[in-house]
Amino acid sequence: MVGIISNMNVDVIATEFGLTGPVTVEPAPSGLIHKTFFVNAADGEFVLQQLHEIVRPETCEDAAVITKYARERAVPVPEFLLTRDGRPWYRAEHGSLWRAMKRLPGESRDAVRSPDEAHSAAALLGQFHAVVKTCAYECRGAIPHFHDTPHIFEQFKKVVAVHEGSELLARVRDDAAFVLQEVPKQLLPSTLPRQIVHGDLKISNFLFEGPAATALLDFDTCMNHTPLVDIGDALRSWCNAAGEDGEAAFDRAIYDAAVEGYCSRAALSEEERALIPQAFRLLTIELAMRFLKDYFDDVYFGWNAEKFSSRREHNLARTRGQLGLYRAII
């Protein structure tokens, strides 16, 4: 495992990206995956991140290419800095991977607070999709089988079969049967056109000024897929006021505003537009399936030890929350 560099030495990393003194560094108040710092340098304000071990240099390179393409076409996304070697990443001596970007104005939020926010964020997503639709770049750092629902479904069926007759399956037999029944109904056509997509549209990956979305952030999960997985996952996340740990609370006003905002900017075919509700259902049941698979595997998702006695208990609560949302939206 790579080490965590001390705050005192972050300014040394900053110089690798051409940031000149005087440099001041302040740890960011949040950030669940990466260790993030706000940097003030002679040339302005920047964000410096020590990346999670799962992130590869190829992921940083994908993000740099995609954001440059989008930014040159007026989409508000980060501008990544290059090192003296011309790379959008830097490998420190102790092994950690770093990147730097210009700091964008606005504030992040953990939940959608109004239909106006949903409309604005979805319109920005639609703009991003319409712009990168013409980018022929193939992502090299994509997570294998991310949002590959048919593959996830096959893995889920194998896990259920392995646990046949066990107490673990007996406890969730109805949940598993429901997932096995519903997933095939929601699979999207395999012939849909593919393009660059974002991959992680939780609302905290947007910046806002008032109700207006001002920027789209976090390009660690970019891949080539149908854009319907992005809008479907955004709707799944934004429209559930209860979050992923509790009982579902489907907010129809947020849904309607988000779909309207997205369709106002996205360059979708009539077939793709008609499939947005199905994509919403698919991404919801897919996440329920992933949580339920990890209920059996007990290896992947983090869990809240203050609220749940084990990862399995947390994954079971998450599973039933997503299944509740799925039932609400159908």
Protein backbone atom coordinates (compact mmCIF):
# COMPACT_ATOMS: atom_id res chain seq x y z
CA MET A 1 0.00 0.00 0.00
CA VAL A 2 1.30 3.44 -0.85
CA GLY A 3 1.80 5.90 1.95
CA ILE A 4 -0.13 9.08 2.72
CA ILE A 5 2.07 12.10 2.17
CA SER A 6 2.05 14.77 4.88
CA ASN A 7 0.38 18.11 4.29
CA MET A 8 3.76 19.76 4.81
CA ASN A 9 5.05 18.14 1.60
CA VAL A 10 2.08 18.79 -0.68
CA ASP A 11 3.71 21.99 -1.91
CA VAL A 12 6.58 19.86 -3.23
CA ILE A 13 4.10 17.83 -5.29
CA ALA A 14 2.52 21.08 -6.47
CA THR A 15 5.78 22.21 -8.04
CA GLU A 16 5.76 19.08 -10.22
CA PHE A 17 2.66 20.54 -11.92
CA GLY A 18 4.32 23.93 -12.43
CA LEU A 19 2.64 25.67 -9.47
CA THR A 20 4.99 28.35 -8.23
CA GLY A 21 5.31 30.03 -4.87
CA PRO A 22 4.31 31.30 -2.60
CA VAL A 23 2.14 28.18 -2.36
CA THR A 24 -0.35 27.65 0.46
CA VAL A 25 -2.15 24.34 0.97
CA GLU A 26 -5.43 23.63 2.76
CA PRO A 27 -6.98 20.15 3.13
CA ALA A 28 -10.42 19.96 1.50
CA PRO A 29 -13.27 19.50 3.99
CA SER A 30 -14.66 16.44 2.17
CA GLY A 31 -13.66 13.68 -0.19
CA LEU A 32 -14.51 10.04 0.35
CA ILE A 33 -12.21 8.52 -2.24
CA HIS A 34 -9.21 10.78 -2.81
CA LYS A 35 -7.14 12.92 -0.46
CA THR A 36 -7.85 16.43 -1.74
CA PHE A 37 -6.14 19.77 -1.13
CA PHE A 38 -6.94 23.33 -2.15
CA VAL A 39 -3.79 25.11 -3.32
CA ASN A 40 -3.25 28.84 -3.70
CA ALA A 41 -0.28 29.62 -5.93
CA ALA A 42 1.07 32.59 -7.82
CA ASP A 43 -1.02 31.64 -10.87
CA GLY A 44 -4.35 31.20 -9.06
CA GLU A 45 -6.36 28.59 -7.16
CA PHE A 46 -5.98 24.88 -7.82
CA VAL A 47 -7.05 21.46 -6.57
CA LEU A 48 -4.41 18.82 -5.88
CA GLN A 49 -5.41 15.20 -5.28
CA GLN A 50 -3.64 12.13 -4.02
CA LEU A 51 -5.63 9.47 -5.82
CA HIS A 52 -7.02 6.24 -4.43
CA GLU A 53 -4.92 3.17 -5.21
CA ILE A 54 -7.55 1.82 -7.63
CA VAL A 55 -6.96 4.75 -10.02
CA ARG A 56 -4.44 4.13 -12.81
CA PRO A 57 -2.49 6.62 -14.93
CA GLU A 58 -4.69 5.65 -17.89
CA THR A 59 -7.70 6.91 -15.95
CA CYS A 60 -6.06 10.31 -15.56
CA GLU A 61 -5.16 10.35 -19.24
CA ASP A 62 -8.74 9.53 -20.25
CA ALA A 63 -10.02 12.34 -18.04
CA ALA A 64 -7.54 14.85 -19.46
CA VAL A 65 -8.46 14.06 -23.08
CA ILE A 66 -12.21 14.08 -22.48
CA THR A 67 -12.31 17.26 -20.42
CA LYS A 68 -10.07 19.09 -22.90
CA TYR A 69 -12.40 18.09 -25.74
CA ALA A 70 -15.48 19.17 -23.78
CA ARG A 71 -13.97 22.39 -22.41
CA GLU A 72 -12.92 23.52 -25.90
CA ARG A 73 -16.59 23.21 -26.84
CA ALA A 74 -17.83 25.35 -23.93
CA VAL A 75 -18.72 22.62 -21.42
CA PRO A 76 -17.69 23.73 -17.89
CA VAL A 77 -15.41 20.89 -16.73
CA PRO A 78 -12.03 20.81 -14.97
CA GLU A 79 -8.78 21.74 -16.66
CA PHE A 80 -6.08 19.29 -15.64
CA LEU A 81 -2.49 20.47 -15.30
CA LEU A 82 0.44 18.69 -16.94
CA THR A 83 3.74 17.85 -15.28
CA ARG A 84 7.09 18.90 -16.68
CA ASP A 85 7.03 15.57 -18.56
CA GLY A 86 3.71 16.46 -20.18
CA ARG A 87 1.61 13.98 -18.17
CA PRO A 88 -1.74 14.68 -16.42
CA TRP A 89 -0.49 12.67 -13.43
CA TYR A 90 2.57 12.43 -11.22
CA ARG A 91 3.91 9.35 -9.44
CA ALA A 92 5.52 10.35 -6.14
CA GLU A 93 8.61 8.59 -4.80
CA HIS A 94 6.60 6.68 -2.20
CA GLY A 95 4.27 5.34 -4.92
CA SER A 96 1.16 7.50 -4.69
CA LEU A 97 -0.48 8.92 -7.82
CA TRP A 98 -1.33 12.63 -7.99
CA ARG A 99 -3.14 15.02 -10.30
CA ALA A 100 -3.83 18.75 -10.29
CA MET A 101 -6.52 20.93 -11.83
CA LYS A 102 -7.67 24.51 -11.83
CA ARG A 103 -10.23 25.20 -9.12
CA LEU A 104 -13.69 26.02 -10.47
CA PRO A 105 -16.15 28.38 -8.77
CA GLY A 106 -19.28 27.08 -7.10
CA GLU A 107 -20.27 24.77 -4.26
CA SER A 108 -20.97 21.05 -4.17
CA ARG A 109 -24.11 19.56 -2.64
CA ASP A 110 -24.92 16.12 -1.30
CA ALA A 111 -28.57 16.06 -2.36
CA VAL A 112 -30.84 17.68 -4.94
CA ARG A 113 -32.73 20.41 -3.12
CA SER A 114 -35.24 21.49 -5.78
CA PRO A 115 -36.58 20.68 -9.25
CA ASP A 116 -34.71 23.74 -10.54
CA GLU A 117 -31.40 22.22 -9.44
CA ALA A 118 -32.31 18.91 -11.06
CA HIS A 119 -33.28 20.64 -14.31
CA SER A 120 -30.04 22.64 -14.44
CA ALA A 121 -27.74 19.70 -13.60
CA ALA A 122 -29.48 17.44 -16.10
CA ALA A 123 -29.24 20.09 -18.80
CA LEU A 124 -25.50 20.33 -18.17
CA LEU A 125 -25.26 16.54 -18.44
CA GLY A 126 -27.19 16.69 -21.71
CA GLN A 127 -24.80 19.35 -23.01
CA PHE A 128 -21.81 17.20 -22.08
CA HIS A 129 -23.28 14.15 -23.81
CA ALA A 130 -24.15 16.12 -26.96
CA VAL A 131 -20.61 17.53 -27.19
CA VAL A 132 -18.61 14.34 -26.56
CA LYS A 133 -20.89 12.38 -28.90
CA THR A 134 -18.53 13.52 -31.68
CA CYS A 135 -15.35 12.51 -29.82
CA ALA A 136 -13.92 9.29 -31.23
CA TYR A 137 -11.67 8.62 -28.22
CA GLU A 138 -11.75 5.13 -26.69
CA CYS A 139 -11.28 5.12 -22.93
CA ARG A 140 -8.35 3.00 -21.74
CA GLY A 141 -8.80 3.28 -17.98
CA ALA A 142 -12.45 2.23 -17.71
CA ILE A 143 -13.51 -0.07 -14.87
CA PRO A 144 -14.09 -3.54 -16.37
CA HIS A 145 -17.80 -4.39 -16.77
CA PHE A 146 -18.98 -1.17 -15.12
CA HIS A 147 -22.72 -0.82 -15.87
CA ASP A 148 -22.46 -4.02 -17.93
CA THR A 149 -25.79 -5.28 -16.62
CA PRO A 150 -25.89 -8.57 -18.59
CA HIS A 151 -22.46 -9.51 -17.19
CA ILE A 152 -23.43 -8.49 -13.64
CA PHE A 153 -26.64 -10.50 -14.00
CA GLU A 154 -24.73 -13.65 -15.01
CA GLN A 155 -22.41 -13.24 -12.02
CA PHE A 156 -25.40 -12.72 -9.74
CA LYS A 157 -27.09 -15.91 -10.96
CA LYS A 158 -23.92 -17.87 -10.19
CA VAL A 159 -23.71 -16.46 -6.67
CA VAL A 160 -27.34 -17.33 -5.97
CA ALA A 161 -26.79 -20.87 -7.27
CA VAL A 162 -23.71 -21.34 -5.08
CA HIS A 163 -25.72 -20.37 -1.98
CA GLU A 164 -28.73 -22.56 -2.74
CA GLY A 165 -29.84 -24.22 0.50
CA SER A 166 -27.92 -21.79 2.71
CA GLU A 167 -29.28 -19.64 5.51
CA LEU A 168 -27.94 -16.59 3.69
CA LEU A 169 -30.16 -17.28 0.68
CA ALA A 170 -33.14 -18.29 2.81
CA ARG A 171 -33.11 -14.84 4.38
CA VAL A 172 -33.25 -13.03 1.03
CA ARG A 173 -34.93 -15.61 -1.21
CA ASP A 174 -37.81 -13.28 -2.13
CA ASP A 175 -35.43 -10.41 -2.87
CA ALA A 176 -33.22 -12.62 -5.05
CA ALA A 177 -36.21 -14.06 -6.89
CA PHE A 178 -37.50 -10.56 -7.60
CA VAL A 179 -34.14 -9.45 -9.01
CA LEU A 180 -33.90 -12.57 -11.17
CA GLN A 181 -37.39 -11.89 -12.49
CA GLU A 182 -37.07 -8.16 -13.13
CA VAL A 183 -33.58 -7.59 -14.55
CA PRO A 184 -34.27 -9.25 -17.93
CA LYS A 185 -37.34 -7.03 -18.38
CA GLN A 186 -35.27 -3.85 -18.19
CA LEU A 187 -32.19 -4.68 -20.28
CA LEU A 188 -31.55 -2.04 -22.92
CA PRO A 189 -31.11 -2.96 -26.60
CA SER A 190 -27.53 -3.99 -27.35
CA THR A 191 -27.68 -2.03 -30.62
CA LEU A 192 -27.84 1.42 -29.02
CA PRO A 193 -25.03 3.75 -30.16
CA ARG A 194 -22.11 4.09 -27.76
CA GLN A 195 -20.08 7.15 -26.91
CA ILE A 196 -18.07 8.62 -24.05
CA VAL A 197 -20.10 8.81 -20.85
CA HIS A 198 -19.29 10.11 -17.37
CA GLY A 199 -20.16 7.07 -15.24
CA ASP A 200 -20.82 8.68 -11.84
CA LEU A 201 -23.56 11.30 -11.83
CA LYS A 202 -24.24 11.71 -8.13
CA ILE A 203 -25.21 15.33 -7.50
CA SER A 204 -22.01 16.00 -5.51
CA ASN A 205 -20.15 15.76 -8.81
CA PHE A 206 -21.71 19.05 -9.93
CA LEU A 207 -20.92 22.55 -8.72
CA PHE A 208 -23.71 25.07 -8.18
CA GLU A 209 -24.26 28.77 -7.77
CA GLY A 210 -27.77 29.10 -6.44
CA PRO A 211 -29.97 26.63 -8.32
CA ALA A 212 -27.75 26.75 -11.42
CA ALA A 213 -25.26 23.96 -12.11
CA THR A 214 -21.96 25.62 -13.06
CA ALA A 215 -19.62 22.67 -13.64
CA LEU A 216 -19.40 18.89 -13.97
CA LEU A 217 -16.61 17.17 -11.99
CA ASP A 218 -14.92 13.81 -11.34
CA PHE A 219 -14.05 12.00 -14.55
CA ASP A 220 -12.59 8.86 -12.93
CA THR A 221 -15.29 6.53 -14.28
CA CYS A 222 -15.47 7.59 -17.93
CA MET A 223 -16.15 4.82 -20.41
CA ASN A 224 -17.71 4.15 -23.80
CA HIS A 225 -21.37 3.18 -23.32
CA THR A 226 -24.86 4.36 -24.14
CA PRO A 227 -25.54 7.77 -22.55
CA LEU A 228 -28.72 6.25 -21.15
CA VAL A 229 -26.68 4.65 -18.35
CA ASP A 230 -25.66 8.14 -17.22
CA ILE A 231 -29.12 9.69 -17.18
CA GLY A 232 -30.58 6.49 -15.74
CA ASP A 233 -28.11 6.48 -12.87
CA ALA A 234 -28.53 10.22 -12.30
CA LEU A 235 -32.29 9.77 -11.99
CA ARG A 236 -31.82 6.80 -9.67
CA SER A 237 -29.62 8.87 -7.39
CA TRP A 238 -31.32 12.26 -7.54
CA CYS A 239 -34.96 11.13 -7.27
CA ASN A 240 -34.61 9.08 -4.09
CA ALA A 241 -34.87 11.59 -1.27
CA ALA A 242 -34.14 8.90 1.35
CA GLY A 243 -30.68 8.04 0.01
CA GLU A 244 -29.37 4.49 -0.37
CA ASP A 245 -29.61 3.32 3.25
CA GLY A 246 -33.29 3.85 4.00
CA GLU A 247 -36.70 3.22 2.57
CA ALA A 248 -37.18 4.69 -0.88
CA ALA A 249 -38.89 8.03 -1.36
CA PHE A 250 -39.40 8.64 -5.08
CA ASP A 251 -39.65 12.36 -5.89
CA ARG A 252 -41.63 12.68 -9.12
CA ALA A 253 -41.11 16.45 -9.37
CA ILE A 254 -37.32 15.97 -9.37
CA TYR A 255 -37.70 13.23 -12.00
CA ASP A 256 -39.84 15.34 -14.32
CA ALA A 257 -37.54 18.36 -14.04
CA ALA A 258 -34.41 16.27 -14.66
CA VAL A 259 -35.82 14.53 -17.73
CA GLU A 260 -37.00 17.84 -19.17
CA GLY A 261 -33.62 19.49 -18.54
CA TYR A 262 -31.67 16.58 -19.98
CA CYS A 263 -33.75 16.30 -23.14
CA SER A 264 -33.45 20.05 -23.73
CA ARG A 265 -29.70 19.65 -24.41
CA ALA A 266 -28.94 15.99 -25.19
CA ALA A 267 -28.65 14.87 -28.81
CA LEU A 268 -30.75 11.73 -28.50
CA SER A 269 -32.65 9.76 -31.10
CA GLU A 270 -36.37 9.18 -30.62
CA GLU A 271 -35.59 5.59 -29.60
CA GLU A 272 -33.14 6.77 -26.94
CA ARG A 273 -35.56 9.37 -25.56
CA ALA A 274 -38.28 6.75 -25.27
CA LEU A 275 -35.91 4.48 -23.32
CA ILE A 276 -35.06 6.99 -20.55
CA PRO A 277 -37.70 5.60 -18.13
CA GLN A 278 -36.44 2.07 -18.79
CA ALA A 279 -32.85 3.19 -18.17
CA PHE A 280 -34.00 4.65 -14.84
CA ARG A 281 -35.55 1.31 -13.89
CA LEU A 282 -32.54 -0.65 -15.16
CA LEU A 283 -29.92 1.31 -13.22
CA THR A 284 -32.03 1.05 -10.07
CA ILE A 285 -32.43 -2.73 -10.26
CA GLU A 286 -28.76 -3.06 -11.30
CA LEU A 287 -27.60 -1.34 -8.13
CA ALA A 288 -29.96 -3.45 -6.03
CA MET A 289 -28.44 -6.53 -7.68
CA ARG A 290 -24.90 -5.33 -6.96
CA PHE A 291 -25.75 -4.69 -3.30
CA LEU A 292 -27.41 -8.11 -3.01
CA LYS A 293 -24.46 -9.84 -4.67
CA ASP A 294 -22.16 -8.25 -2.10
CA TYR A 295 -24.56 -9.36 0.64
CA PHE A 296 -23.39 -12.86 -0.33
CA ASP A 297 -19.76 -12.05 -1.23
CA ASP A 298 -19.19 -9.62 1.67
CA VAL A 299 -16.09 -8.06 0.09
CA TYR A 300 -16.80 -4.94 -1.94
CA PHE A 301 -18.93 -2.08 -0.62
CA GLY A 302 -17.86 -0.09 2.40
CA TRP A 303 -20.27 -0.05 5.33
CA ASN A 304 -21.29 2.19 8.20
CA ALA A 305 -20.32 0.50 11.46
CA GLU A 306 -22.22 3.10 13.49
CA LYS A 307 -25.56 2.18 11.90
CA PHE A 308 -25.12 -1.49 10.96
CA SER A 309 -23.65 -4.53 12.67
CA SER A 310 -21.90 -5.79 9.54
CA ARG A 311 -21.30 -5.16 5.85
CA ARG A 312 -23.97 -7.79 5.10
CA GLU A 313 -26.58 -5.94 7.15
CA HIS A 314 -25.74 -2.66 5.43
CA ASN A 315 -25.87 -4.28 1.98
CA LEU A 316 -29.22 -5.87 2.80
CA ALA A 317 -30.63 -2.48 3.83
CA ARG A 318 -29.25 -0.95 0.63
CA THR A 319 -30.70 -3.77 -1.47
CA ARG A 320 -34.18 -3.34 -0.04
CA GLY A 321 -33.98 0.43 -0.36
CA GLN A 322 -33.20 0.15 -4.07
CA LEU A 323 -35.87 -2.50 -4.59
CA GLY A 324 -38.33 -0.19 -2.85
CA LEU A 325 -37.37 2.60 -5.22
CA TYR A 326 -37.71 0.25 -8.19
CA ARG A 327 -41.21 -0.75 -7.11
CA ALA A 328 -42.14 2.89 -6.60
CA ILE A 329 -41.08 3.94 -10.08
CA ILE A 330 -42.76 1.08 -11.91
